[in-house]
Amino acid sequence: MSDGMSVVRRWQLAAALKALREDVGIRQEQAVELLRKGPGRWSRPKLSRIENREHTLKPREVEQLLDAYGVIDASVRDELVQLANESAEQGWWVSFNSELPEDLRPLLSIESGLVAMRDFQNQLIHGLLQTNDYARALINAINPGMFTPEEVERRIAARMTRQQVVHGEDPPHLHFIMDQGILERPLGGPRIMRDQLCRLLELTEHPNITIQVLAKSSHAGPGLEGPFSILTLPEPVPDIGYTEGPAGSVYIEEREHVRTCTLRFGVLTELALSPAESVAEIDRAMRAY
């Protein structure tokens, strides 16, 4: 998943093709026998890699699979061939590859295809919501002396470009819950924090964005385990969980673990201040700076 190609499009295509095979009752071994009657080199391991999202399909391979499964609906065929074309397109993050950790690149690809995201943070404001100055202060605080000023600015440029997902024509629904301590920690100084909290208030006016604050007075809850996200992707791709820390990024796909993340977020939604109360709390913290 570390290349510049569209992870989401590849996942959609793999899931759709597997579903088509299963719908017509063809086992993988039978599918390979049918495919070997046509052009191309086909094997059980190759088909398995395709369905496990480990192989990037070419449009002609998609057409061969559809022929083997007896799919004649022109609209279905066109849609899946188009997915194959899109999965090979490189994303914006490729131009910033030297500034981005390798295990973060799949997240950027996933974000570009999001339908929705639920996110909890207990230490810092999510990257999709950060101002330039807050991002600069954060990078320098976490990595003191590690990057040159030029490298820092390139990382900030990548983060700001990443935020295009928030302001696109058909943006995903984004639900953020953040610990109250984040609002009170003066990262970068009063002016930077005031501007950052003003940005949060502006973003709460977007119909696709929900922000809640988890008050310090709230009861102990699942947020004590740390930050995490639940990423909702286009059908038929299931939700996945995501978290990151000093050891790198972790993508959670096992259904039971994702369900646990979903339940945890539901509890946090109930524990946190309502969206209206959260706006008031963010405004109060901003004025304190």
C-alpha atoms as a PDB file:
ATOM      1  CA  MET A   1       0.000   0.000   0.000  1.00  0.00           C
ATOM      2  CA  SER A   2       3.016   2.320   0.074  1.00  0.00           C
ATOM      3  CA  ASP A   3       2.972   3.422  -3.569  1.00  0.00           C
ATOM      4  CA  GLY A   4       1.178   6.417  -5.027  1.00  0.00           C
ATOM      5  CA  MET A   5      -1.755   4.519  -6.482  1.00  0.00           C
ATOM      6  CA  SER A   6      -5.310   4.719  -5.240  1.00  0.00           C
ATOM      7  CA  VAL A   7      -5.716   2.263  -2.383  1.00  0.00           C
ATOM      8  CA  VAL A   8      -9.475   2.799  -2.187  1.00  0.00           C
ATOM      9  CA  ARG A   9     -10.118   2.190  -5.897  1.00  0.00           C
ATOM     10  CA  ARG A  10      -8.030  -0.990  -5.757  1.00  0.00           C
ATOM     11  CA  TRP A  11      -9.958  -2.224  -2.723  1.00  0.00           C
ATOM     12  CA  GLN A  12     -13.316  -1.439  -4.333  1.00  0.00           C
ATOM     13  CA  LEU A  13     -12.353  -3.307  -7.483  1.00  0.00           C
ATOM     14  CA  ALA A  14     -11.046  -6.355  -5.615  1.00  0.00           C
ATOM     15  CA  ALA A  15     -14.164  -6.594  -3.433  1.00  0.00           C
ATOM     16  CA  ALA A  16     -16.522  -6.172  -6.390  1.00  0.00           C
ATOM     17  CA  LEU A  17     -14.801  -8.846  -8.491  1.00  0.00           C
ATOM     18  CA  LYS A  18     -14.755 -11.309  -5.614  1.00  0.00           C
ATOM     19  CA  ALA A  19     -18.472 -10.687  -5.013  1.00  0.00           C
ATOM     20  CA  LEU A  20     -19.247 -11.274  -8.717  1.00  0.00           C
ATOM     21  CA  ARG A  21     -17.393 -14.594  -8.665  1.00  0.00           C
ATOM     22  CA  GLU A  22     -19.197 -15.734  -5.531  1.00  0.00           C
ATOM     23  CA  ASP A  23     -22.579 -14.584  -6.875  1.00  0.00           C
ATOM     24  CA  VAL A  24     -22.312 -16.961  -9.837  1.00  0.00           C
ATOM     25  CA  GLY A  25     -21.075 -19.799  -7.611  1.00  0.00           C
ATOM     26  CA  ILE A  26     -17.634 -20.217  -9.171  1.00  0.00           C
ATOM     27  CA  ARG A  27     -14.767 -21.346  -6.959  1.00  0.00           C
ATOM     28  CA  GLN A  28     -11.312 -19.871  -7.453  1.00  0.00           C
ATOM     29  CA  GLU A  29     -10.052 -23.115  -9.049  1.00  0.00           C
ATOM     30  CA  GLN A  30     -12.918 -23.087 -11.550  1.00  0.00           C
ATOM     31  CA  ALA A  31     -12.339 -19.406 -12.298  1.00  0.00           C
ATOM     32  CA  VAL A  32      -8.673 -20.082 -13.102  1.00  0.00           C
ATOM     33  CA  GLU A  33      -9.631 -22.918 -15.479  1.00  0.00           C
ATOM     34  CA  LEU A  34     -11.963 -20.559 -17.330  1.00  0.00           C
ATOM     35  CA  LEU A  35      -9.387 -17.776 -17.430  1.00  0.00           C
ATOM     36  CA  ARG A  36      -6.689 -20.065 -18.834  1.00  0.00           C
ATOM     37  CA  LYS A  37      -8.832 -20.602 -21.939  1.00  0.00           C
ATOM     38  CA  GLY A  38      -8.258 -16.966 -22.843  1.00  0.00           C
ATOM     39  CA  PRO A  39      -5.224 -14.683 -23.099  1.00  0.00           C
ATOM     40  CA  GLY A  40      -2.895 -13.847 -20.243  1.00  0.00           C
ATOM     41  CA  ARG A  41      -1.178 -15.879 -17.556  1.00  0.00           C
ATOM     42  CA  TRP A  42      -3.507 -16.943 -14.784  1.00  0.00           C
ATOM     43  CA  SER A  43      -2.991 -19.017 -11.645  1.00  0.00           C
ATOM     44  CA  ARG A  44      -4.699 -19.622  -8.323  1.00  0.00           C
ATOM     45  CA  PRO A  45      -2.085 -17.529  -6.428  1.00  0.00           C
ATOM     46  CA  LYS A  46      -2.612 -14.620  -8.839  1.00  0.00           C
ATOM     47  CA  LEU A  47      -6.378 -14.680  -8.429  1.00  0.00           C
ATOM     48  CA  SER A  48      -5.959 -14.936  -4.675  1.00  0.00           C
ATOM     49  CA  ARG A  49      -3.681 -11.881  -4.667  1.00  0.00           C
ATOM     50  CA  ILE A  50      -6.262  -9.978  -6.717  1.00  0.00           C
ATOM     51  CA  GLU A  51      -9.064 -10.754  -4.276  1.00  0.00           C
ATOM     52  CA  ASN A  52      -6.816  -9.985  -1.288  1.00  0.00           C
ATOM     53  CA  ARG A  53      -6.053  -6.535  -2.768  1.00  0.00           C
ATOM     54  CA  GLU A  54      -2.375  -7.332  -3.307  1.00  0.00           C
ATOM     55  CA  HIS A  55      -2.367  -7.071  -7.116  1.00  0.00           C
ATOM     56  CA  THR A  56      -3.085  -3.961  -9.183  1.00  0.00           C
ATOM     57  CA  LEU A  57      -5.326  -5.010 -12.062  1.00  0.00           C
ATOM     58  CA  LYS A  58      -4.998  -3.800 -15.612  1.00  0.00           C
ATOM     59  CA  PRO A  59      -8.249  -2.962 -17.473  1.00  0.00           C
ATOM     60  CA  ARG A  60      -7.779  -5.902 -19.848  1.00  0.00           C
ATOM     61  CA  GLU A  61      -7.453  -8.285 -16.864  1.00  0.00           C
ATOM     62  CA  VAL A  62     -10.715  -6.925 -15.457  1.00  0.00           C
ATOM     63  CA  GLU A  63     -12.419  -7.613 -18.781  1.00  0.00           C
ATOM     64  CA  GLN A  64     -11.067 -11.182 -18.794  1.00  0.00           C
ATOM     65  CA  LEU A  65     -12.408 -11.777 -15.286  1.00  0.00           C
ATOM     66  CA  LEU A  66     -15.806 -10.368 -16.239  1.00  0.00           C
ATOM     67  CA  ASP A  67     -15.906 -12.635 -19.300  1.00  0.00           C
ATOM     68  CA  ALA A  68     -15.096 -15.645 -17.112  1.00  0.00           C
ATOM     69  CA  TYR A  69     -17.898 -14.733 -14.698  1.00  0.00           C
ATOM     70  CA  GLY A  70     -20.394 -14.176 -17.503  1.00  0.00           C
ATOM     71  CA  VAL A  71     -20.956 -10.489 -16.739  1.00  0.00           C
ATOM     72  CA  ILE A  72     -22.530  -8.880 -19.796  1.00  0.00           C
ATOM     73  CA  ASP A  73     -24.122  -5.779 -18.240  1.00  0.00           C
ATOM     74  CA  ALA A  74     -22.371  -2.934 -20.049  1.00  0.00           C
ATOM     75  CA  SER A  75     -22.762  -0.466 -17.163  1.00  0.00           C
ATOM     76  CA  VAL A  76     -21.174  -2.886 -14.675  1.00  0.00           C
ATOM     77  CA  ARG A  77     -18.319  -3.644 -17.046  1.00  0.00           C
ATOM     78  CA  ASP A  78     -17.677   0.032 -17.744  1.00  0.00           C
ATOM     79  CA  GLU A  79     -17.715   0.903 -14.051  1.00  0.00           C
ATOM     80  CA  LEU A  80     -15.207  -1.790 -13.098  1.00  0.00           C
ATOM     81  CA  VAL A  81     -12.879  -1.070 -16.007  1.00  0.00           C
ATOM     82  CA  GLN A  82     -12.975   2.592 -14.962  1.00  0.00           C
ATOM     83  CA  LEU A  83     -12.047   1.568 -11.412  1.00  0.00           C
ATOM     84  CA  ALA A  84      -9.024  -0.257 -12.829  1.00  0.00           C
ATOM     85  CA  ASN A  85      -7.963   2.878 -14.673  1.00  0.00           C
ATOM     86  CA  GLU A  86      -8.423   5.033 -11.574  1.00  0.00           C
ATOM     87  CA  SER A  87      -6.545   2.622  -9.312  1.00  0.00           C
ATOM     88  CA  ALA A  88      -3.415   3.210 -11.394  1.00  0.00           C
ATOM     89  CA  GLU A  89      -3.612   6.993 -11.085  1.00  0.00           C
ATOM     90  CA  GLN A  90      -1.055   8.564  -8.786  1.00  0.00           C
ATOM     91  CA  GLY A  91      -2.228  10.861  -6.013  1.00  0.00           C
ATOM     92  CA  TRP A  92      -1.079  14.322  -4.961  1.00  0.00           C
ATOM     93  CA  TRP A  93       1.103  12.894  -2.166  1.00  0.00           C
ATOM     94  CA  VAL A  94       3.612  11.435  -4.660  1.00  0.00           C
ATOM     95  CA  SER A  95       5.192  14.874  -5.112  1.00  0.00           C
ATOM     96  CA  PHE A  96       5.794  14.978  -1.329  1.00  0.00           C
ATOM     97  CA  ASN A  97       7.060  11.407  -0.910  1.00  0.00           C
ATOM     98  CA  SER A  98      10.441  12.428   0.513  1.00  0.00           C
ATOM     99  CA  GLU A  99       8.686  14.440   3.251  1.00  0.00           C
ATOM    100  CA  LEU A 100       6.126  11.783   4.204  1.00  0.00           C
ATOM    101  CA  PRO A 101       6.669   8.667   6.336  1.00  0.00           C
ATOM    102  CA  GLU A 102       6.136   5.607   4.156  1.00  0.00           C
ATOM    103  CA  ASP A 103       3.497   4.101   6.446  1.00  0.00           C
ATOM    104  CA  LEU A 104       1.461   7.334   6.253  1.00  0.00           C
ATOM    105  CA  ARG A 105       1.050   7.283   2.454  1.00  0.00           C
ATOM    106  CA  PRO A 106      -1.740   4.677   2.425  1.00  0.00           C
ATOM    107  CA  LEU A 107      -3.735   6.879   4.818  1.00  0.00           C
ATOM    108  CA  LEU A 108      -3.460   9.807   2.408  1.00  0.00           C
ATOM    109  CA  SER A 109      -4.759   7.627  -0.406  1.00  0.00           C
ATOM    110  CA  ILE A 110      -7.598   6.362   1.786  1.00  0.00           C
ATOM    111  CA  GLU A 111      -8.509   9.916   2.811  1.00  0.00           C
ATOM    112  CA  SER A 112      -8.866  10.902  -0.834  1.00  0.00           C
ATOM    113  CA  GLY A 113     -11.685   8.326  -1.174  1.00  0.00           C
ATOM    114  CA  LEU A 114     -13.380   8.697   2.207  1.00  0.00           C
ATOM    115  CA  VAL A 115     -17.128   8.592   2.624  1.00  0.00           C
ATOM    116  CA  ALA A 116     -16.873   9.403   6.338  1.00  0.00           C
ATOM    117  CA  MET A 117     -14.418   9.468   9.215  1.00  0.00           C
ATOM    118  CA  ARG A 118     -14.855   9.324  12.972  1.00  0.00           C
ATOM    119  CA  ASP A 119     -11.779  10.447  14.912  1.00  0.00           C
ATOM    120  CA  PHE A 120     -10.770  10.826  18.561  1.00  0.00           C
ATOM    121  CA  GLN A 121      -7.688  12.758  19.662  1.00  0.00           C
ATOM    122  CA  ASN A 122      -6.403  13.293  23.195  1.00  0.00           C
ATOM    123  CA  GLN A 123      -3.122  15.136  22.536  1.00  0.00           C
ATOM    124  CA  LEU A 124      -3.345  17.289  19.410  1.00  0.00           C
ATOM    125  CA  ILE A 125      -5.688  18.695  16.798  1.00  0.00           C
ATOM    126  CA  HIS A 126      -6.152  16.407  13.785  1.00  0.00           C
ATOM    127  CA  GLY A 127      -4.029  17.231  10.741  1.00  0.00           C
ATOM    128  CA  LEU A 128      -7.084  17.893   8.590  1.00  0.00           C
ATOM    129  CA  LEU A 129      -8.034  20.776  10.913  1.00  0.00           C
ATOM    130  CA  GLN A 130      -4.650  22.392  11.571  1.00  0.00           C
ATOM    131  CA  THR A 131      -3.514  25.877  10.573  1.00  0.00           C
ATOM    132  CA  ASN A 132      -0.073  26.423   9.034  1.00  0.00           C
ATOM    133  CA  ASP A 133       1.326  27.903  12.229  1.00  0.00           C
ATOM    134  CA  TYR A 134      -0.091  25.175  14.468  1.00  0.00           C
ATOM    135  CA  ALA A 135       1.334  22.505  12.159  1.00  0.00           C
ATOM    136  CA  ARG A 136       4.746  24.220  12.202  1.00  0.00           C
ATOM    137  CA  ALA A 137       4.775  24.436  15.997  1.00  0.00           C
ATOM    138  CA  LEU A 138       3.687  20.805  16.268  1.00  0.00           C
ATOM    139  CA  ILE A 139       6.353  19.492  13.874  1.00  0.00           C
ATOM    140  CA  ASN A 140       9.104  21.398  15.690  1.00  0.00           C
ATOM    141  CA  ALA A 141       7.814  20.319  19.118  1.00  0.00           C
ATOM    142  CA  ILE A 142       7.667  16.609  18.249  1.00  0.00           C
ATOM    143  CA  ASN A 143      10.927  16.579  16.253  1.00  0.00           C
ATOM    144  CA  PRO A 144      13.191  19.234  17.839  1.00  0.00           C
ATOM    145  CA  GLY A 145      16.129  20.018  15.559  1.00  0.00           C
ATOM    146  CA  MET A 146      15.425  17.058  13.246  1.00  0.00           C
ATOM    147  CA  PHE A 147      14.407  18.990  10.121  1.00  0.00           C
ATOM    148  CA  THR A 148      15.772  22.044   8.359  1.00  0.00           C
ATOM    149  CA  PRO A 149      13.411  25.020   7.978  1.00  0.00           C
ATOM    150  CA  GLU A 150      12.962  24.074   4.313  1.00  0.00           C
ATOM    151  CA  GLU A 151      12.005  20.502   5.228  1.00  0.00           C
ATOM    152  CA  VAL A 152       9.520  21.769   7.806  1.00  0.00           C
ATOM    153  CA  GLU A 153       7.868  24.013   5.232  1.00  0.00           C
ATOM    154  CA  ARG A 154       7.581  21.136   2.764  1.00  0.00           C
ATOM    155  CA  ARG A 155       5.881  19.033   5.425  1.00  0.00           C
ATOM    156  CA  ILE A 156       3.482  21.861   6.174  1.00  0.00           C
ATOM    157  CA  ALA A 157       2.722  22.242   2.455  1.00  0.00           C
ATOM    158  CA  ALA A 158       1.914  18.519   2.289  1.00  0.00           C
ATOM    159  CA  ARG A 159      -0.384  18.814   5.314  1.00  0.00           C
ATOM    160  CA  MET A 160      -2.228  21.786   3.832  1.00  0.00           C
ATOM    161  CA  THR A 161      -2.628  19.979   0.502  1.00  0.00           C
ATOM    162  CA  ARG A 162      -3.988  16.998   2.435  1.00  0.00           C
ATOM    163  CA  GLN A 163      -6.805  19.222   3.698  1.00  0.00           C
ATOM    164  CA  GLN A 164      -8.336  19.361   0.215  1.00  0.00           C
ATOM    165  CA  VAL A 165     -10.496  16.410   1.320  1.00  0.00           C
ATOM    166  CA  VAL A 166     -12.281  18.740   3.777  1.00  0.00           C
ATOM    167  CA  HIS A 167     -13.170  21.359   1.187  1.00  0.00           C
ATOM    168  CA  GLY A 168     -13.854  19.301  -1.957  1.00  0.00           C
ATOM    169  CA  GLU A 169     -17.027  19.352  -4.016  1.00  0.00           C
ATOM    170  CA  ASP A 170     -18.412  16.206  -2.365  1.00  0.00           C
ATOM    171  CA  PRO A 171     -16.590  16.087   0.980  1.00  0.00           C
ATOM    172  CA  PRO A 172     -16.944  13.190   3.414  1.00  0.00           C
ATOM    173  CA  HIS A 173     -18.734  13.561   6.741  1.00  0.00           C
ATOM    174  CA  LEU A 174     -16.048  14.140   9.364  1.00  0.00           C
ATOM    175  CA  HIS A 175     -16.800  13.681  13.058  1.00  0.00           C
ATOM    176  CA  PHE A 176     -14.028  14.753  15.437  1.00  0.00           C
ATOM    177  CA  ILE A 177     -13.936  14.332  19.205  1.00  0.00           C
ATOM    178  CA  MET A 178     -11.037  16.017  20.987  1.00  0.00           C
ATOM    179  CA  ASP A 179     -10.025  16.126  24.620  1.00  0.00           C
ATOM    180  CA  GLN A 180     -10.475  19.501  26.313  1.00  0.00           C
ATOM    181  CA  GLY A 181      -6.804  19.526  27.259  1.00  0.00           C
ATOM    182  CA  ILE A 182      -5.915  20.020  23.595  1.00  0.00           C
ATOM    183  CA  LEU A 183      -7.669  23.395  23.641  1.00  0.00           C
ATOM    184  CA  GLU A 184      -5.800  24.491  26.754  1.00  0.00           C
ATOM    185  CA  ARG A 185      -2.298  23.357  25.800  1.00  0.00           C
ATOM    186  CA  PRO A 186      -0.600  26.543  24.419  1.00  0.00           C
ATOM    187  CA  LEU A 187       1.226  24.917  21.533  1.00  0.00           C
ATOM    188  CA  GLY A 188       3.253  27.601  19.773  1.00  0.00           C
ATOM    189  CA  GLY A 189       1.972  30.423  21.952  1.00  0.00           C
ATOM    190  CA  PRO A 190      -1.257  32.400  22.458  1.00  0.00           C
ATOM    191  CA  ARG A 191      -1.573  33.875  18.947  1.00  0.00           C
ATOM    192  CA  ILE A 192      -1.109  30.520  17.241  1.00  0.00           C
ATOM    193  CA  MET A 193      -3.621  28.852  19.536  1.00  0.00           C
ATOM    194  CA  ARG A 194      -6.135  31.680  19.152  1.00  0.00           C
ATOM    195  CA  ASP A 195      -5.932  31.423  15.360  1.00  0.00           C
ATOM    196  CA  GLN A 196      -6.171  27.635  15.500  1.00  0.00           C
ATOM    197  CA  LEU A 197      -9.262  27.649  17.677  1.00  0.00           C
ATOM    198  CA  CYS A 198     -10.794  30.304  15.447  1.00  0.00           C
ATOM    199  CA  ARG A 199     -10.238  27.873  12.554  1.00  0.00           C
ATOM    200  CA  LEU A 200     -12.064  25.152  14.476  1.00  0.00           C
ATOM    201  CA  LEU A 201     -15.016  27.457  15.023  1.00  0.00           C
ATOM    202  CA  GLU A 202     -15.129  28.245  11.304  1.00  0.00           C
ATOM    203  CA  LEU A 203     -15.041  24.549  10.446  1.00  0.00           C
ATOM    204  CA  THR A 204     -18.000  23.759  12.728  1.00  0.00           C
ATOM    205  CA  GLU A 205     -20.113  25.810  10.314  1.00  0.00           C
ATOM    206  CA  HIS A 206     -19.472  23.301   7.526  1.00  0.00           C
ATOM    207  CA  PRO A 207     -22.436  20.900   7.221  1.00  0.00           C
ATOM    208  CA  ASN A 208     -20.122  17.902   6.758  1.00  0.00           C
ATOM    209  CA  ILE A 209     -18.065  18.551   9.910  1.00  0.00           C
ATOM    210  CA  THR A 210     -18.999  17.740  13.517  1.00  0.00           C
ATOM    211  CA  ILE A 211     -16.660  18.665  16.374  1.00  0.00           C
ATOM    212  CA  GLN A 212     -17.201  17.604  19.985  1.00  0.00           C
ATOM    213  CA  VAL A 213     -15.088  18.360  23.034  1.00  0.00           C
ATOM    214  CA  LEU A 214     -14.536  15.716  25.712  1.00  0.00           C
ATOM    215  CA  ALA A 215     -14.602  17.767  28.912  1.00  0.00           C
ATOM    216  CA  LYS A 216     -12.077  17.106  31.655  1.00  0.00           C
ATOM    217  CA  SER A 217     -15.003  16.617  34.026  1.00  0.00           C
ATOM    218  CA  SER A 218     -16.367  13.680  31.990  1.00  0.00           C
ATOM    219  CA  HIS A 219     -16.293  10.196  33.442  1.00  0.00           C
ATOM    220  CA  ALA A 220     -13.401   7.898  32.598  1.00  0.00           C
ATOM    221  CA  GLY A 221     -14.027   6.220  29.248  1.00  0.00           C
ATOM    222  CA  PRO A 222     -12.472   4.467  26.263  1.00  0.00           C
ATOM    223  CA  GLY A 223     -10.565   7.618  25.298  1.00  0.00           C
ATOM    224  CA  LEU A 224      -8.014   6.698  27.953  1.00  0.00           C
ATOM    225  CA  GLU A 225      -6.615   4.106  25.555  1.00  0.00           C
ATOM    226  CA  GLY A 226      -5.503   6.836  23.154  1.00  0.00           C
ATOM    227  CA  PRO A 227      -6.368   8.291  19.745  1.00  0.00           C
ATOM    228  CA  PHE A 228      -7.955   6.325  16.907  1.00  0.00           C
ATOM    229  CA  SER A 229      -9.987   6.769  13.728  1.00  0.00           C
ATOM    230  CA  ILE A 230     -12.685   4.789  11.932  1.00  0.00           C
ATOM    231  CA  LEU A 231     -12.512   5.245   8.164  1.00  0.00           C
ATOM    232  CA  THR A 232     -15.645   4.602   6.089  1.00  0.00           C
ATOM    233  CA  LEU A 233     -14.933   3.835   2.440  1.00  0.00           C
ATOM    234  CA  PRO A 234     -17.197   3.365  -0.602  1.00  0.00           C
ATOM    235  CA  GLU A 235     -19.157   0.121  -0.876  1.00  0.00           C
ATOM    236  CA  PRO A 236     -18.355  -2.727  -0.845  1.00  0.00           C
ATOM    237  CA  VAL A 237     -15.198  -1.952   1.167  1.00  0.00           C
ATOM    238  CA  PRO A 238     -15.813  -2.371   4.932  1.00  0.00           C
ATOM    239  CA  ASP A 239     -14.793   0.206   7.535  1.00  0.00           C
ATOM    240  CA  ILE A 240     -11.229   0.098   8.775  1.00  0.00           C
ATOM    241  CA  GLY A 241      -9.642   1.414  11.951  1.00  0.00           C
ATOM    242  CA  TYR A 242      -6.504   3.496  12.126  1.00  0.00           C
ATOM    243  CA  THR A 243      -4.156   4.694  14.823  1.00  0.00           C
ATOM    244  CA  GLU A 244      -0.616   6.029  14.916  1.00  0.00           C
ATOM    245  CA  GLY A 245       2.117   6.638  17.450  1.00  0.00           C
ATOM    246  CA  PRO A 246       5.900   6.510  17.930  1.00  0.00           C
ATOM    247  CA  ALA A 247       5.968   3.000  16.444  1.00  0.00           C
ATOM    248  CA  GLY A 248       4.232   4.153  13.241  1.00  0.00           C
ATOM    249  CA  SER A 249       0.824   3.702  11.681  1.00  0.00           C
ATOM    250  CA  VAL A 250      -1.492   0.758  12.361  1.00  0.00           C
ATOM    251  CA  TYR A 251      -4.381  -0.188  10.023  1.00  0.00           C
ATOM    252  CA  ILE A 252      -7.077  -2.296  11.687  1.00  0.00           C
ATOM    253  CA  GLU A 253      -9.157  -4.505   9.410  1.00  0.00           C
ATOM    254  CA  GLU A 254     -10.203  -7.476  11.557  1.00  0.00           C
ATOM    255  CA  ARG A 255     -13.995  -7.115  11.835  1.00  0.00           C
ATOM    256  CA  GLU A 256     -14.222  -7.627  15.590  1.00  0.00           C
ATOM    257  CA  HIS A 257     -11.490  -5.070  16.285  1.00  0.00           C
ATOM    258  CA  VAL A 258     -13.161  -2.509  14.008  1.00  0.00           C
ATOM    259  CA  ARG A 259     -16.465  -3.164  15.800  1.00  0.00           C
ATOM    260  CA  THR A 260     -14.714  -2.469  19.119  1.00  0.00           C
ATOM    261  CA  CYS A 261     -13.432   0.858  17.748  1.00  0.00           C
ATOM    262  CA  THR A 262     -16.952   1.724  16.612  1.00  0.00           C
ATOM    263  CA  LEU A 263     -18.413   0.958  20.038  1.00  0.00           C
ATOM    264  CA  ARG A 264     -15.681   3.000  21.743  1.00  0.00           C
ATOM    265  CA  PHE A 265     -16.442   5.990  19.534  1.00  0.00           C
ATOM    266  CA  GLY A 266     -20.137   5.669  20.290  1.00  0.00           C
ATOM    267  CA  VAL A 267     -19.410   5.838  24.015  1.00  0.00           C
ATOM    268  CA  LEU A 268     -17.179   8.884  23.524  1.00  0.00           C
ATOM    269  CA  THR A 269     -19.918  10.603  21.521  1.00  0.00           C
ATOM    270  CA  GLU A 270     -22.238  10.239  24.516  1.00  0.00           C
ATOM    271  CA  LEU A 271     -19.597  11.335  27.046  1.00  0.00           C
ATOM    272  CA  ALA A 272     -18.509  14.424  25.083  1.00  0.00           C
ATOM    273  CA  LEU A 273     -20.224  17.803  25.088  1.00  0.00           C
ATOM    274  CA  SER A 274     -22.893  18.259  22.444  1.00  0.00           C
ATOM    275  CA  PRO A 275     -21.786  20.010  19.226  1.00  0.00           C
ATOM    276  CA  ALA A 276     -23.402  23.281  20.397  1.00  0.00           C
ATOM    277  CA  GLU A 277     -21.810  23.037  23.852  1.00  0.00           C
ATOM    278  CA  SER A 278     -18.493  22.192  22.192  1.00  0.00           C
ATOM    279  CA  VAL A 279     -18.632  25.346  20.067  1.00  0.00           C
ATOM    280  CA  ALA A 280     -19.141  27.360  23.249  1.00  0.00           C
ATOM    281  CA  GLU A 281     -16.196  25.606  24.916  1.00  0.00           C
ATOM    282  CA  ILE A 282     -13.895  26.206  21.932  1.00  0.00           C
ATOM    283  CA  ASP A 283     -14.963  29.868  21.902  1.00  0.00           C
ATOM    284  CA  ARG A 284     -14.232  30.170  25.633  1.00  0.00           C
ATOM    285  CA  ALA A 285     -10.772  28.629  25.179  1.00  0.00           C
ATOM    286  CA  MET A 286     -10.040  30.920  22.215  1.00  0.00           C
ATOM    287  CA  ARG A 287     -10.953  34.036  24.199  1.00  0.00           C
ATOM    288  CA  ALA A 288      -8.681  32.899  27.042  1.00  0.00           C
ATOM    289  CA  TYR A 289      -5.732  33.295  24.671  1.00  0.00           C
END
